[in-house]
Amino acid sequence: MEDRLARIRLMLGEERLERLKRSFVVVVGMGAVGSYAVEGLARSGIGRLRLVDFDVVRASNINRQLYALGSTLGRHKADLAAERVLDINPHCRAEKMNLFADTGTFDAILEGSPDLVIDAIDSLGPKAGLIAEVVKRGLPLIASMGAALRTDPAAVRVGPIKEVVGCPLAAKVRNLLRKSGTHLDFTCVYSLEPVGELKKKRQVDPETEFHEQGRRRAALGSLPTLTGIFGLTIANAAIMKLAGTEK
């Protein structure tokens, strides 16, 4: 294991690497953004990861989700995420939860006072609900805003959600959080690139089924590059924060 983290040690030093090894991170959403966020965290030596997603892999996921392969169709994303984490870092405590994030599962998802929570949920309601719960509990948070419809990697930013411009999802999340009385002092990853006319081209994804805890929603086009960049940007921000090198 020491050889696996040698480059991280050279970059951050022994003390900061040890901080990463002691860190406990919860990632909710193992899709396009979340899968790449987990990848970066696993390869950095994070000591404990709780991986949460109720969904299974579908063919329409293959263009952008790390765990989506021809050989993994129909399998739970959280199961696949945990398997991959342990293959990368056998010393990581990888916990899988095949759960839908809502008021009935927040206690289980956030149990144990994690050092950081990463929100990579696609759906607006569950996303805002999780964020509100994490903020209420005083837990550190990094949330992903909209990666779909973007093409410019240079427009990706990290900053407080209250300062985000040009992201329709962030505007909707802010509106819901204000209505619930949730403060807006948490970090998010977002894009300055306007979605423009592309937003009008969204359509219902024929492979998205109705779920007991969810509903069919409009599918937005996305590139594997931009969603991956969002996820790795989240991972990088998390690593810097947990290692104590955050600017």
C-alpha atoms as a PDB file:
ATOM      1  CA  MET A   1       0.000   0.000   0.000  1.00  0.00           C
ATOM      2  CA  GLU A   2       2.895   2.324   0.729  1.00  0.00           C
ATOM      3  CA  ASP A   3       4.017   2.146  -2.913  1.00  0.00           C
ATOM      4  CA  ARG A   4       0.481   3.001  -4.060  1.00  0.00           C
ATOM      5  CA  LEU A   5       0.552   6.282  -2.171  1.00  0.00           C
ATOM      6  CA  ALA A   6       4.197   7.205  -2.720  1.00  0.00           C
ATOM      7  CA  ARG A   7       3.386   9.949  -5.240  1.00  0.00           C
ATOM      8  CA  ILE A   8       0.737  11.416  -2.928  1.00  0.00           C
ATOM      9  CA  ARG A   9       3.295  11.471  -0.112  1.00  0.00           C
ATOM     10  CA  LEU A  10       5.796  13.277  -2.319  1.00  0.00           C
ATOM     11  CA  MET A  11       3.175  15.849  -3.214  1.00  0.00           C
ATOM     12  CA  LEU A  12       1.553  16.467   0.169  1.00  0.00           C
ATOM     13  CA  GLY A  13       4.036  15.170   2.740  1.00  0.00           C
ATOM     14  CA  GLU A  14       3.618  12.509   5.411  1.00  0.00           C
ATOM     15  CA  GLU A  15       1.488  14.530   7.844  1.00  0.00           C
ATOM     16  CA  ARG A  16      -1.086  15.533   5.249  1.00  0.00           C
ATOM     17  CA  LEU A  17      -1.202  12.027   3.810  1.00  0.00           C
ATOM     18  CA  GLU A  18      -1.976  10.724   7.293  1.00  0.00           C
ATOM     19  CA  ARG A  19      -4.854  13.185   7.512  1.00  0.00           C
ATOM     20  CA  LEU A  20      -6.295  11.708   4.329  1.00  0.00           C
ATOM     21  CA  LYS A  21      -5.907   8.184   5.696  1.00  0.00           C
ATOM     22  CA  ARG A  22      -7.883   9.190   8.802  1.00  0.00           C
ATOM     23  CA  SER A  23     -10.629  10.943   6.849  1.00  0.00           C
ATOM     24  CA  PHE A  24     -14.204   9.720   6.492  1.00  0.00           C
ATOM     25  CA  VAL A  25     -16.098  10.933   3.416  1.00  0.00           C
ATOM     26  CA  VAL A  26     -19.699  10.256   2.395  1.00  0.00           C
ATOM     27  CA  VAL A  27     -20.450  10.477  -1.334  1.00  0.00           C
ATOM     28  CA  VAL A  28     -24.124  10.480  -2.348  1.00  0.00           C
ATOM     29  CA  GLY A  29     -24.721   9.705  -6.025  1.00  0.00           C
ATOM     30  CA  MET A  30     -22.511   7.264  -7.950  1.00  0.00           C
ATOM     31  CA  GLY A  31     -23.371   8.559 -11.416  1.00  0.00           C
ATOM     32  CA  ALA A  32     -21.372  10.601 -13.897  1.00  0.00           C
ATOM     33  CA  VAL A  33     -19.964  13.128 -11.422  1.00  0.00           C
ATOM     34  CA  GLY A  34     -19.977  11.014  -8.269  1.00  0.00           C
ATOM     35  CA  SER A  35     -18.133   8.066  -9.791  1.00  0.00           C
ATOM     36  CA  TYR A  36     -15.188  10.255 -10.785  1.00  0.00           C
ATOM     37  CA  ALA A  37     -15.190  12.016  -7.422  1.00  0.00           C
ATOM     38  CA  VAL A  38     -14.913   8.630  -5.712  1.00  0.00           C
ATOM     39  CA  GLU A  39     -12.124   7.632  -8.090  1.00  0.00           C
ATOM     40  CA  GLY A  40     -10.008  10.617  -7.089  1.00  0.00           C
ATOM     41  CA  LEU A  41     -10.668  10.075  -3.397  1.00  0.00           C
ATOM     42  CA  ALA A  42      -9.858   6.362  -3.522  1.00  0.00           C
ATOM     43  CA  ARG A  43      -6.568   6.994  -5.297  1.00  0.00           C
ATOM     44  CA  SER A  44      -5.603   9.690  -2.779  1.00  0.00           C
ATOM     45  CA  GLY A  45      -5.683   7.270   0.156  1.00  0.00           C
ATOM     46  CA  ILE A  46      -8.896   8.387   1.894  1.00  0.00           C
ATOM     47  CA  GLY A  47      -9.335   5.965   4.780  1.00  0.00           C
ATOM     48  CA  ARG A  48     -13.111   5.560   4.824  1.00  0.00           C
ATOM     49  CA  LEU A  49     -15.709   6.075   2.110  1.00  0.00           C
ATOM     50  CA  ARG A  50     -19.454   5.635   2.400  1.00  0.00           C
ATOM     51  CA  LEU A  51     -20.910   5.232  -1.106  1.00  0.00           C
ATOM     52  CA  VAL A  52     -24.622   5.882  -1.533  1.00  0.00           C
ATOM     53  CA  ASP A  53     -26.871   5.260  -4.552  1.00  0.00           C
ATOM     54  CA  PHE A  54     -30.117   3.306  -4.981  1.00  0.00           C
ATOM     55  CA  ASP A  55     -29.880   2.958  -8.779  1.00  0.00           C
ATOM     56  CA  VAL A  56     -28.530   0.278 -11.127  1.00  0.00           C
ATOM     57  CA  VAL A  57     -26.386   0.636 -14.253  1.00  0.00           C
ATOM     58  CA  ARG A  58     -28.244   1.130 -17.542  1.00  0.00           C
ATOM     59  CA  ALA A  59     -27.000   1.229 -21.130  1.00  0.00           C
ATOM     60  CA  SER A  60     -27.611   4.980 -21.317  1.00  0.00           C
ATOM     61  CA  ASN A  61     -25.050   5.467 -18.500  1.00  0.00           C
ATOM     62  CA  ILE A  62     -22.129   4.073 -20.492  1.00  0.00           C
ATOM     63  CA  ASN A  63     -21.206   7.344 -22.197  1.00  0.00           C
ATOM     64  CA  ARG A  64     -20.272   9.070 -18.940  1.00  0.00           C
ATOM     65  CA  GLN A  65     -20.365   6.935 -15.784  1.00  0.00           C
ATOM     66  CA  LEU A  66     -17.214   5.220 -14.594  1.00  0.00           C
ATOM     67  CA  TYR A  67     -18.918   2.047 -13.371  1.00  0.00           C
ATOM     68  CA  ALA A  68     -21.124   1.642 -16.460  1.00  0.00           C
ATOM     69  CA  LEU A  69     -19.848  -1.132 -18.732  1.00  0.00           C
ATOM     70  CA  GLY A  70     -21.428  -3.804 -20.859  1.00  0.00           C
ATOM     71  CA  SER A  71     -20.476  -6.273 -18.156  1.00  0.00           C
ATOM     72  CA  THR A  72     -22.083  -4.276 -15.309  1.00  0.00           C
ATOM     73  CA  LEU A  73     -25.557  -3.602 -16.729  1.00  0.00           C
ATOM     74  CA  GLY A  74     -28.238  -4.136 -14.105  1.00  0.00           C
ATOM     75  CA  ARG A  75     -25.863  -4.097 -11.149  1.00  0.00           C
ATOM     76  CA  HIS A  76     -26.133  -1.599  -8.300  1.00  0.00           C
ATOM     77  CA  LYS A  77     -23.822   1.371  -8.703  1.00  0.00           C
ATOM     78  CA  ALA A  78     -22.943   1.483  -5.005  1.00  0.00           C
ATOM     79  CA  ASP A  79     -21.833  -2.172  -5.120  1.00  0.00           C
ATOM     80  CA  LEU A  80     -19.626  -1.508  -8.131  1.00  0.00           C
ATOM     81  CA  ALA A  81     -18.178   1.614  -6.537  1.00  0.00           C
ATOM     82  CA  ALA A  82     -17.185  -0.242  -3.365  1.00  0.00           C
ATOM     83  CA  GLU A  83     -15.582  -3.058  -5.358  1.00  0.00           C
ATOM     84  CA  ARG A  84     -13.520  -0.617  -7.400  1.00  0.00           C
ATOM     85  CA  VAL A  85     -12.422   1.371  -4.340  1.00  0.00           C
ATOM     86  CA  LEU A  86     -11.149  -1.781  -2.641  1.00  0.00           C
ATOM     87  CA  ASP A  87      -9.340  -2.845  -5.809  1.00  0.00           C
ATOM     88  CA  ILE A  88      -7.563   0.527  -5.806  1.00  0.00           C
ATOM     89  CA  ASN A  89      -6.975   0.745  -2.062  1.00  0.00           C
ATOM     90  CA  PRO A  90      -7.556  -2.466  -0.059  1.00  0.00           C
ATOM     91  CA  HIS A  91      -6.955  -0.541   3.162  1.00  0.00           C
ATOM     92  CA  CYS A  92      -9.895   1.790   2.597  1.00  0.00           C
ATOM     93  CA  ARG A  93     -13.044   1.102   4.589  1.00  0.00           C
ATOM     94  CA  ALA A  94     -15.538   1.156   1.718  1.00  0.00           C
ATOM     95  CA  GLU A  95     -19.184   1.060   2.800  1.00  0.00           C
ATOM     96  CA  LYS A  96     -21.918   0.646   0.204  1.00  0.00           C
ATOM     97  CA  MET A  97     -25.491   1.796   0.721  1.00  0.00           C
ATOM     98  CA  ASN A  98     -28.156   0.973  -1.863  1.00  0.00           C
ATOM     99  CA  LEU A  99     -30.397   3.740  -0.571  1.00  0.00           C
ATOM    100  CA  PHE A 100     -32.457   6.609  -1.952  1.00  0.00           C
ATOM    101  CA  ALA A 101     -31.546   9.873  -0.217  1.00  0.00           C
ATOM    102  CA  ASP A 102     -34.597  11.256   1.574  1.00  0.00           C
ATOM    103  CA  THR A 103     -35.807  12.138   5.044  1.00  0.00           C
ATOM    104  CA  GLY A 104     -36.168   8.466   5.911  1.00  0.00           C
ATOM    105  CA  THR A 105     -32.563   7.597   5.104  1.00  0.00           C
ATOM    106  CA  PHE A 106     -30.598  10.726   6.067  1.00  0.00           C
ATOM    107  CA  ASP A 107     -29.787   9.387   9.547  1.00  0.00           C
ATOM    108  CA  ALA A 108     -28.212   6.252   8.082  1.00  0.00           C
ATOM    109  CA  ILE A 109     -26.393   8.101   5.305  1.00  0.00           C
ATOM    110  CA  LEU A 110     -24.884  10.710   7.653  1.00  0.00           C
ATOM    111  CA  GLU A 111     -24.307   8.477  10.690  1.00  0.00           C
ATOM    112  CA  GLY A 112     -20.899   8.721  12.302  1.00  0.00           C
ATOM    113  CA  SER A 113     -20.096  12.429  11.808  1.00  0.00           C
ATOM    114  CA  PRO A 114     -18.244  12.266   8.483  1.00  0.00           C
ATOM    115  CA  ASP A 115     -15.409  14.712   7.880  1.00  0.00           C
ATOM    116  CA  LEU A 116     -16.964  15.669   4.552  1.00  0.00           C
ATOM    117  CA  VAL A 117     -20.143  15.011   2.569  1.00  0.00           C
ATOM    118  CA  ILE A 118     -20.154  15.162  -1.219  1.00  0.00           C
ATOM    119  CA  ASP A 119     -23.478  15.701  -2.974  1.00  0.00           C
ATOM    120  CA  ALA A 120     -23.512  14.310  -6.521  1.00  0.00           C
ATOM    121  CA  ILE A 121     -27.279  13.779  -6.806  1.00  0.00           C
ATOM    122  CA  ASP A 122     -29.004  14.548 -10.115  1.00  0.00           C
ATOM    123  CA  SER A 123     -32.591  15.074  -8.934  1.00  0.00           C
ATOM    124  CA  LEU A 124     -33.471  18.508  -7.576  1.00  0.00           C
ATOM    125  CA  GLY A 125     -35.686  17.520  -4.631  1.00  0.00           C
ATOM    126  CA  PRO A 126     -33.405  14.891  -3.075  1.00  0.00           C
ATOM    127  CA  LYS A 127     -30.387  17.115  -3.768  1.00  0.00           C
ATOM    128  CA  ALA A 128     -31.824  20.107  -1.941  1.00  0.00           C
ATOM    129  CA  GLY A 129     -33.090  17.859   0.846  1.00  0.00           C
ATOM    130  CA  LEU A 130     -29.672  16.299   1.429  1.00  0.00           C
ATOM    131  CA  ILE A 131     -27.912  19.656   1.335  1.00  0.00           C
ATOM    132  CA  ALA A 132     -30.345  21.129   3.856  1.00  0.00           C
ATOM    133  CA  GLU A 133     -29.855  18.167   6.194  1.00  0.00           C
ATOM    134  CA  VAL A 134     -26.051  18.284   5.937  1.00  0.00           C
ATOM    135  CA  VAL A 135     -25.988  22.028   6.591  1.00  0.00           C
ATOM    136  CA  LYS A 136     -28.396  21.635   9.538  1.00  0.00           C
ATOM    137  CA  ARG A 137     -26.049  19.077  11.086  1.00  0.00           C
ATOM    138  CA  GLY A 138     -23.043  21.359  10.625  1.00  0.00           C
ATOM    139  CA  LEU A 139     -21.127  18.901   8.443  1.00  0.00           C
ATOM    140  CA  PRO A 140     -18.635  20.089   5.805  1.00  0.00           C
ATOM    141  CA  LEU A 141     -20.091  19.835   2.296  1.00  0.00           C
ATOM    142  CA  ILE A 142     -19.110  20.031  -1.361  1.00  0.00           C
ATOM    143  CA  ALA A 143     -22.043  19.917  -3.779  1.00  0.00           C
ATOM    144  CA  SER A 144     -22.046  19.440  -7.529  1.00  0.00           C
ATOM    145  CA  MET A 145     -24.147  21.789  -9.612  1.00  0.00           C
ATOM    146  CA  GLY A 146     -25.050  21.237 -13.274  1.00  0.00           C
ATOM    147  CA  ALA A 147     -22.469  19.496 -15.458  1.00  0.00           C
ATOM    148  CA  ALA A 148     -24.908  18.591 -18.235  1.00  0.00           C
ATOM    149  CA  LEU A 149     -24.992  20.613 -21.476  1.00  0.00           C
ATOM    150  CA  ARG A 150     -21.521  22.048 -20.872  1.00  0.00           C
ATOM    151  CA  THR A 151     -18.584  21.761 -23.277  1.00  0.00           C
ATOM    152  CA  ASP A 152     -15.937  24.111 -21.845  1.00  0.00           C
ATOM    153  CA  PRO A 153     -13.644  22.618 -19.181  1.00  0.00           C
ATOM    154  CA  ALA A 154     -12.058  26.019 -18.580  1.00  0.00           C
ATOM    155  CA  ALA A 155     -15.383  27.323 -17.249  1.00  0.00           C
ATOM    156  CA  VAL A 156     -15.515  24.928 -14.266  1.00  0.00           C
ATOM    157  CA  ARG A 157     -15.183  26.673 -10.915  1.00  0.00           C
ATOM    158  CA  VAL A 158     -15.140  25.942  -7.174  1.00  0.00           C
ATOM    159  CA  GLY A 159     -16.804  28.394  -4.803  1.00  0.00           C
ATOM    160  CA  PRO A 160     -19.721  29.257  -2.496  1.00  0.00           C
ATOM    161  CA  ILE A 161     -23.131  28.511  -3.964  1.00  0.00           C
ATOM    162  CA  LYS A 162     -24.313  32.038  -3.181  1.00  0.00           C
ATOM    163  CA  GLU A 163     -21.795  33.364  -5.719  1.00  0.00           C
ATOM    164  CA  VAL A 164     -22.704  30.977  -8.573  1.00  0.00           C
ATOM    165  CA  VAL A 165     -23.887  32.572 -11.814  1.00  0.00           C
ATOM    166  CA  GLY A 166     -24.993  30.966 -15.067  1.00  0.00           C
ATOM    167  CA  CYS A 167     -26.179  27.667 -13.575  1.00  0.00           C
ATOM    168  CA  PRO A 168     -29.953  27.008 -13.652  1.00  0.00           C
ATOM    169  CA  LEU A 169     -29.608  24.078 -11.231  1.00  0.00           C
ATOM    170  CA  ALA A 170     -27.784  26.220  -8.674  1.00  0.00           C
ATOM    171  CA  ALA A 171     -30.520  28.853  -8.922  1.00  0.00           C
ATOM    172  CA  LYS A 172     -33.221  26.241  -8.263  1.00  0.00           C
ATOM    173  CA  VAL A 173     -31.264  24.715  -5.367  1.00  0.00           C
ATOM    174  CA  ARG A 174     -30.735  28.153  -3.804  1.00  0.00           C
ATOM    175  CA  ASN A 175     -34.428  28.921  -4.087  1.00  0.00           C
ATOM    176  CA  LEU A 176     -35.434  25.693  -2.315  1.00  0.00           C
ATOM    177  CA  LEU A 177     -32.812  26.162   0.393  1.00  0.00           C
ATOM    178  CA  ARG A 178     -33.917  29.721   1.100  1.00  0.00           C
ATOM    179  CA  LYS A 179     -37.506  28.522   1.473  1.00  0.00           C
ATOM    180  CA  SER A 180     -36.354  25.959   4.048  1.00  0.00           C
ATOM    181  CA  GLY A 181     -34.265  28.544   5.906  1.00  0.00           C
ATOM    182  CA  THR A 182     -30.947  26.864   5.014  1.00  0.00           C
ATOM    183  CA  HIS A 183     -27.904  29.129   4.886  1.00  0.00           C
ATOM    184  CA  LEU A 184     -25.853  29.235   1.688  1.00  0.00           C
ATOM    185  CA  ASP A 185     -22.308  29.113   3.045  1.00  0.00           C
ATOM    186  CA  PHE A 186     -21.230  25.787   1.535  1.00  0.00           C
ATOM    187  CA  THR A 187     -18.897  24.990  -1.349  1.00  0.00           C
ATOM    188  CA  CYS A 188     -19.976  23.762  -4.748  1.00  0.00           C
ATOM    189  CA  VAL A 189     -18.476  22.941  -8.132  1.00  0.00           C
ATOM    190  CA  TYR A 190     -20.191  24.597 -11.064  1.00  0.00           C
ATOM    191  CA  SER A 191     -19.704  25.947 -14.579  1.00  0.00           C
ATOM    192  CA  LEU A 192     -19.828  29.537 -15.791  1.00  0.00           C
ATOM    193  CA  GLU A 193     -20.710  28.325 -19.282  1.00  0.00           C
ATOM    194  CA  PRO A 194     -24.306  29.254 -20.228  1.00  0.00           C
ATOM    195  CA  VAL A 195     -26.477  26.353 -21.352  1.00  0.00           C
ATOM    196  CA  GLY A 196     -28.214  28.441 -24.026  1.00  0.00           C
ATOM    197  CA  GLU A 197     -30.271  26.700 -26.669  1.00  0.00           C
ATOM    198  CA  LEU A 198     -29.059  23.232 -25.689  1.00  0.00           C
ATOM    199  CA  LYS A 199     -31.396  23.262 -22.702  1.00  0.00           C
ATOM    200  CA  LYS A 200     -34.376  23.215 -25.046  1.00  0.00           C
ATOM    201  CA  LYS A 201     -33.261  19.920 -26.563  1.00  0.00           C
ATOM    202  CA  ARG A 202     -33.721  17.847 -23.444  1.00  0.00           C
ATOM    203  CA  GLN A 203     -36.125  14.954 -23.663  1.00  0.00           C
ATOM    204  CA  VAL A 204     -37.425  12.131 -21.508  1.00  0.00           C
ATOM    205  CA  ASP A 205     -34.838   9.363 -21.353  1.00  0.00           C
ATOM    206  CA  PRO A 206     -36.534   6.191 -22.683  1.00  0.00           C
ATOM    207  CA  GLU A 207     -34.332   4.041 -20.437  1.00  0.00           C
ATOM    208  CA  THR A 208     -35.191   5.915 -17.238  1.00  0.00           C
ATOM    209  CA  GLU A 209     -37.794   3.835 -15.444  1.00  0.00           C
ATOM    210  CA  PHE A 210     -40.252   4.944 -12.800  1.00  0.00           C
ATOM    211  CA  HIS A 211     -38.928   4.070  -9.348  1.00  0.00           C
ATOM    212  CA  GLU A 212     -40.765   3.708  -6.087  1.00  0.00           C
ATOM    213  CA  GLN A 213     -38.799   6.656  -4.684  1.00  0.00           C
ATOM    214  CA  GLY A 214     -38.420   8.696  -7.865  1.00  0.00           C
ATOM    215  CA  ARG A 215     -39.999   9.699 -11.140  1.00  0.00           C
ATOM    216  CA  ARG A 216     -39.048   9.788 -14.783  1.00  0.00           C
ATOM    217  CA  ARG A 217     -37.447  13.113 -15.606  1.00  0.00           C
ATOM    218  CA  ALA A 218     -36.088  14.959 -18.616  1.00  0.00           C
ATOM    219  CA  ALA A 219     -32.698  13.720 -19.771  1.00  0.00           C
ATOM    220  CA  LEU A 220     -30.014  16.302 -20.484  1.00  0.00           C
ATOM    221  CA  GLY A 221     -27.185  15.700 -22.905  1.00  0.00           C
ATOM    222  CA  SER A 222     -23.730  15.474 -21.343  1.00  0.00           C
ATOM    223  CA  LEU A 223     -20.155  14.788 -22.338  1.00  0.00           C
ATOM    224  CA  PRO A 224     -18.005  12.200 -20.554  1.00  0.00           C
ATOM    225  CA  THR A 225     -15.210  14.752 -20.355  1.00  0.00           C
ATOM    226  CA  LEU A 226     -17.115  17.498 -18.553  1.00  0.00           C
ATOM    227  CA  THR A 227     -18.878  15.253 -16.052  1.00  0.00           C
ATOM    228  CA  GLY A 228     -15.556  13.582 -15.294  1.00  0.00           C
ATOM    229  CA  ILE A 229     -13.878  16.966 -14.837  1.00  0.00           C
ATOM    230  CA  PHE A 230     -16.632  18.002 -12.418  1.00  0.00           C
ATOM    231  CA  GLY A 231     -16.102  14.834 -10.392  1.00  0.00           C
ATOM    232  CA  LEU A 232     -12.334  15.112 -10.284  1.00  0.00           C
ATOM    233  CA  THR A 233     -12.580  18.812  -9.421  1.00  0.00           C
ATOM    234  CA  ILE A 234     -14.757  17.869  -6.457  1.00  0.00           C
ATOM    235  CA  ALA A 235     -12.226  15.211  -5.447  1.00  0.00           C
ATOM    236  CA  ASN A 236      -9.384  17.709  -5.696  1.00  0.00           C
ATOM    237  CA  ALA A 237     -11.224  20.261  -3.558  1.00  0.00           C
ATOM    238  CA  ALA A 238     -11.984  17.531  -1.026  1.00  0.00           C
ATOM    239  CA  ILE A 239      -8.366  16.358  -0.897  1.00  0.00           C
ATOM    240  CA  MET A 240      -7.085  19.886  -0.342  1.00  0.00           C
ATOM    241  CA  LYS A 241      -9.650  20.504   2.392  1.00  0.00           C
ATOM    242  CA  LEU A 242      -9.090  17.221   4.227  1.00  0.00           C
ATOM    243  CA  ALA A 243      -5.300  17.413   3.955  1.00  0.00           C
ATOM    244  CA  GLY A 244      -5.304  20.938   5.346  1.00  0.00           C
ATOM    245  CA  THR A 245      -3.942  22.627   2.216  1.00  0.00           C
ATOM    246  CA  GLU A 246      -7.168  24.428   1.231  1.00  0.00           C
ATOM    247  CA  LYS A 247      -6.505  27.984   0.122  1.00  0.00           C
END
